[in-house]
Amino acid sequence: MAETHVLFVEDDDVIREATQLALERQGFLVTAMPDGLLGLEAFRAQRPDIALLDVMVPGLDGVSLCRRIRDESTVPVIMLSARADSIDVVLGLEAGADDYVTKPFDGAVLVARIRAVLRRFGHAGGDGVTVRDQPPGALLTFGDLEVDTEGMEVHKGGEPVALTPTEMRLLLEFSAAPGTVLSRDRLLERVWDYGWGGDTRVVDVHVQRLRTKIGQDRIETVRGFGYKLKA
């Protein structure tokens, strides 16, 4: 199997070199860049399997770089932030990131998060949309929303809806149990592959992103419990 190619954008020389070495020891192929503009060039030239982007990098900040990448690809993105502030987390996730890790981070934790993201993307490569544990092939209809669980396509009012793999997995979870309240912890486990507690802000932001694409009233918030797809 080919090495997993990681694009790592980090301006701190010590962190960049130490993290690159740690990832390479785990068998990853790493392209490390010190600023966002060089990171964007490397992404377009090499099409990595996953991108690790520090929020605060010169040239083109990590959030803007994430938006550029998301405009061109569904490649998984993990944001790295020196702060756990909501603004950093939310901006990164709203830009299209699939997960985030707060610095300073343990190398083993970072590797585990990378592998978790790759597992849920099926490690299909830079533009892959493979999703594991697909429901049986069927066309599910919820009002004007159609979900093709075999072809991994979504249409609203007859028009195609472009979803990232994470958004698609989230919609599949809702579609498999319409009208059933799904807790944030369950969604973290099923969609983000977290076998441990995670930050539920990841769920909340992705639900909001999904709502903007399939309809704000399609997914209902059940306060104190979670979310459900209106049947």
Protein backbone atom coordinates (compact mmCIF):
# COMPACT_ATOMS: atom_id res chain seq x y z
CA MET A 1 0.00 0.00 0.00
CA ALA A 2 1.27 3.44 -0.90
CA GLU A 3 2.37 5.74 1.89
CA THR A 4 -0.18 8.20 3.16
CA HIS A 5 0.90 11.65 2.03
CA VAL A 6 0.47 14.39 4.64
CA LEU A 7 0.72 18.11 3.87
CA PHE A 8 1.82 19.87 7.05
CA VAL A 9 1.78 23.69 7.21
CA GLU A 10 3.41 25.12 10.34
CA ASP A 11 5.58 28.25 10.73
CA ASP A 12 7.32 27.23 13.96
CA ASP A 13 10.54 25.54 12.86
CA VAL A 14 10.87 23.38 15.98
CA ILE A 15 7.27 22.14 15.89
CA ARG A 16 7.37 21.61 12.13
CA GLU A 17 10.57 19.57 12.16
CA ALA A 18 9.69 17.54 15.27
CA THR A 19 6.18 16.74 14.03
CA GLN A 20 7.41 15.84 10.57
CA LEU A 21 9.94 13.45 12.07
CA ALA A 22 7.33 11.89 14.36
CA LEU A 23 4.91 11.35 11.46
CA GLU A 24 7.60 9.89 9.22
CA ARG A 25 8.52 7.43 11.97
CA GLN A 26 4.91 6.26 11.84
CA GLY A 27 5.18 5.60 8.10
CA PHE A 28 3.67 8.79 6.70
CA LEU A 29 5.12 10.68 3.74
CA VAL A 30 5.25 14.32 4.86
CA THR A 31 5.53 17.55 2.88
CA ALA A 32 6.15 20.35 5.40
CA MET A 33 5.73 24.01 4.51
CA PRO A 34 6.38 27.13 6.65
CA ASP A 35 3.58 29.35 5.31
CA GLY A 36 0.14 29.19 3.75
CA LEU A 37 1.05 30.29 0.24
CA LEU A 38 3.73 27.61 -0.07
CA GLY A 39 1.25 25.18 1.45
CA LEU A 40 -1.33 25.99 -1.23
CA GLU A 41 1.27 25.53 -3.98
CA ALA A 42 2.28 22.18 -2.51
CA PHE A 43 -1.33 21.07 -2.23
CA ARG A 44 -2.08 21.87 -5.86
CA ALA A 45 1.12 20.26 -7.11
CA GLN A 46 1.07 17.10 -5.00
CA ARG A 47 -2.55 16.44 -4.00
CA PRO A 48 -1.83 14.92 -0.57
CA ASP A 49 -4.13 12.47 1.22
CA ILE A 50 -4.64 14.74 4.22
CA ALA A 51 -3.70 18.29 5.26
CA LEU A 52 -2.62 19.48 8.72
CA LEU A 53 -2.90 23.25 8.88
CA ASP A 54 -1.83 25.53 11.71
CA VAL A 55 -4.30 28.38 12.16
CA MET A 56 -1.70 31.13 12.56
CA VAL A 57 0.75 30.91 9.66
CA PRO A 58 2.11 33.78 7.54
CA GLY A 59 1.32 34.49 3.90
CA LEU A 60 -2.09 32.85 3.94
CA ASP A 61 -3.52 31.91 7.33
CA GLY A 62 -4.66 28.36 8.00
CA VAL A 63 -8.38 29.15 7.89
CA SER A 64 -8.07 30.87 4.50
CA LEU A 65 -5.90 28.02 3.23
CA CYS A 66 -8.54 25.53 4.37
CA ARG A 67 -11.18 27.44 2.41
CA ARG A 68 -9.00 27.38 -0.72
CA ILE A 69 -8.44 23.65 -0.36
CA ARG A 70 -12.13 23.00 0.25
CA ASP A 71 -13.03 24.96 -2.89
CA GLU A 72 -10.93 22.51 -4.90
CA SER A 73 -11.09 19.20 -3.08
CA THR A 74 -12.74 17.03 -0.45
CA VAL A 75 -9.36 16.01 0.98
CA PRO A 76 -9.59 15.71 4.79
CA VAL A 77 -8.28 18.69 6.75
CA ILE A 78 -7.25 18.87 10.41
CA MET A 79 -6.63 22.30 11.89
CA LEU A 80 -3.95 22.87 14.53
CA SER A 81 -4.44 25.70 17.00
CA ALA A 82 -2.36 27.00 19.90
CA ARG A 83 -5.58 27.97 21.65
CA ALA A 84 -8.79 26.15 22.46
CA ASP A 85 -10.75 29.38 21.98
CA SER A 86 -14.13 28.89 20.36
CA ILE A 87 -13.33 31.41 17.64
CA ASP A 88 -10.31 29.42 16.42
CA VAL A 89 -12.19 26.14 16.53
CA VAL A 90 -15.36 27.41 14.92
CA LEU A 91 -13.63 29.40 12.18
CA GLY A 92 -11.57 26.39 11.19
CA LEU A 93 -14.56 24.05 11.13
CA GLU A 94 -16.74 26.54 9.30
CA ALA A 95 -14.02 26.87 6.67
CA GLY A 96 -14.47 23.17 5.97
CA ALA A 97 -12.02 21.45 8.32
CA ASP A 98 -13.02 17.97 9.44
CA ASP A 99 -11.37 18.05 12.86
CA TYR A 100 -8.96 20.08 14.97
CA VAL A 101 -6.18 19.44 17.47
CA THR A 102 -5.05 21.93 20.12
CA LYS A 103 -1.35 22.63 20.64
CA PRO A 104 0.69 21.55 22.44
CA PHE A 105 -0.32 18.07 21.34
CA ASP A 106 1.00 14.62 22.05
CA GLY A 107 2.42 12.95 18.94
CA ALA A 108 0.49 9.75 19.60
CA VAL A 109 -2.76 11.69 19.87
CA LEU A 110 -2.11 13.49 16.58
CA VAL A 111 -1.35 10.21 14.81
CA ALA A 112 -4.52 8.67 16.25
CA ARG A 113 -6.63 11.60 15.01
CA ILE A 114 -5.05 11.42 11.56
CA ARG A 115 -5.75 7.70 11.32
CA ALA A 116 -9.31 8.19 12.56
CA VAL A 117 -9.96 10.75 9.82
CA LEU A 118 -8.40 8.51 7.18
CA ARG A 119 -10.48 5.54 8.31
CA ARG A 120 -13.70 7.46 7.96
CA PHE A 121 -12.65 8.72 4.55
CA GLY A 122 -11.82 5.17 3.54
CA HIS A 123 -8.28 6.36 2.74
CA ALA A 124 -9.41 6.73 -0.85
CA GLY A 125 -6.81 9.35 -1.72
CA GLY A 126 -6.95 13.11 -2.01
CA ASP A 127 -10.36 13.40 -3.65
CA GLY A 128 -11.88 10.13 -2.49
CA VAL A 129 -15.41 10.08 -1.12
CA THR A 130 -15.43 6.47 0.06
CA VAL A 131 -17.41 6.04 3.25
CA ARG A 132 -17.19 2.96 5.44
CA ASP A 133 -20.22 1.11 6.82
CA GLN A 134 -22.55 2.27 4.10
CA PRO A 135 -26.22 1.43 4.56
CA PRO A 136 -27.67 -1.01 1.97
CA GLY A 137 -28.04 0.60 -1.43
CA ALA A 138 -31.28 2.55 -1.54
CA LEU A 139 -32.72 5.89 -2.56
CA LEU A 140 -34.07 7.53 0.57
CA THR A 141 -36.52 10.40 0.21
CA PHE A 142 -37.32 13.06 2.81
CA GLY A 143 -39.57 15.63 1.21
CA ASP A 144 -37.56 17.25 -1.58
CA LEU A 145 -34.34 15.67 -0.27
CA GLU A 146 -33.06 12.48 -1.91
CA VAL A 147 -30.14 10.47 -0.51
CA ASP A 148 -28.62 7.77 -2.71
CA THR A 149 -26.79 5.60 -0.17
CA GLU A 150 -25.20 3.45 -2.86
CA GLY A 151 -24.08 6.12 -5.31
CA MET A 152 -23.24 8.51 -2.44
CA GLU A 153 -25.20 11.31 -4.08
CA VAL A 154 -27.61 13.83 -2.61
CA HIS A 155 -30.21 15.90 -4.45
CA LYS A 156 -32.47 18.63 -3.14
CA GLY A 157 -35.37 19.69 -5.33
CA GLY A 158 -33.76 17.71 -8.14
CA GLU A 159 -30.50 19.64 -7.91
CA PRO A 160 -27.26 17.95 -6.78
CA VAL A 161 -25.89 18.88 -3.36
CA ALA A 162 -22.10 18.86 -2.92
CA LEU A 163 -21.14 17.39 0.45
CA THR A 164 -17.75 16.67 1.93
CA PRO A 165 -17.19 13.05 3.04
CA THR A 166 -17.70 14.06 6.67
CA GLU A 167 -20.98 15.80 5.84
CA MET A 168 -22.05 12.75 3.82
CA ARG A 169 -21.32 10.41 6.70
CA LEU A 170 -23.27 12.68 9.03
CA LEU A 171 -26.26 12.70 6.68
CA LEU A 172 -26.10 8.91 6.34
CA GLU A 173 -26.31 8.55 10.11
CA PHE A 174 -29.41 10.75 10.20
CA SER A 175 -30.93 9.07 7.13
CA ALA A 176 -30.54 5.60 8.67
CA ALA A 177 -32.73 6.63 11.60
CA PRO A 178 -35.12 9.42 10.55
CA GLY A 179 -37.10 10.84 13.42
CA THR A 180 -34.70 9.33 15.96
CA VAL A 181 -32.72 11.66 18.22
CA LEU A 182 -28.98 11.07 17.84
CA SER A 183 -26.79 12.36 20.66
CA ARG A 184 -23.65 14.33 19.98
CA ASP A 185 -21.59 11.58 21.62
CA ARG A 186 -23.06 8.96 19.30
CA LEU A 187 -22.36 11.12 16.27
CA LEU A 188 -18.78 11.68 17.46
CA GLU A 189 -18.33 7.92 17.73
CA ARG A 190 -20.02 6.98 14.46
CA VAL A 191 -18.96 9.86 12.19
CA TRP A 192 -15.67 10.99 13.70
CA ASP A 193 -14.61 7.52 14.85
CA TYR A 194 -13.90 8.73 18.37
CA GLY A 195 -13.63 5.88 20.83
CA TRP A 196 -13.09 8.53 23.49
CA GLY A 197 -14.73 11.78 24.46
CA GLY A 198 -14.39 14.58 21.94
CA ASP A 199 -15.36 18.20 21.55
CA THR A 200 -19.03 18.36 20.59
CA ARG A 201 -18.45 21.69 18.85
CA VAL A 202 -17.20 19.60 15.94
CA VAL A 203 -20.66 18.04 15.68
CA ASP A 204 -22.54 21.32 16.10
CA VAL A 205 -20.61 23.15 13.38
CA HIS A 206 -20.91 20.28 10.91
CA VAL A 207 -24.64 19.98 11.56
CA GLN A 208 -24.98 23.69 10.79
CA ARG A 209 -22.92 23.29 7.60
CA LEU A 210 -25.13 20.39 6.57
CA ARG A 211 -28.26 22.42 7.27
CA THR A 212 -27.13 25.21 4.96
CA LYS A 213 -26.89 22.65 2.15
CA ILE A 214 -29.98 20.47 2.66
CA GLY A 215 -32.30 22.97 4.35
CA GLN A 216 -32.24 24.68 7.73
CA ASP A 217 -35.45 22.98 8.89
CA ARG A 218 -34.48 19.46 7.81
CA ILE A 219 -32.41 18.67 10.93
CA GLU A 220 -34.09 19.51 14.22
CA THR A 221 -32.26 20.35 17.45
CA VAL A 222 -33.63 18.50 20.48
CA ARG A 223 -32.29 20.53 23.38
CA GLY A 224 -30.37 18.55 25.93
CA PHE A 225 -30.33 15.41 23.76
CA GLY A 226 -28.99 15.98 20.24
CA TYR A 227 -30.35 16.18 16.71
CA LYS A 228 -32.82 14.32 14.52
CA LEU A 229 -33.68 14.26 10.83
CA LYS A 230 -37.30 15.13 10.19
CA ALA A 231 -38.93 12.16 8.51
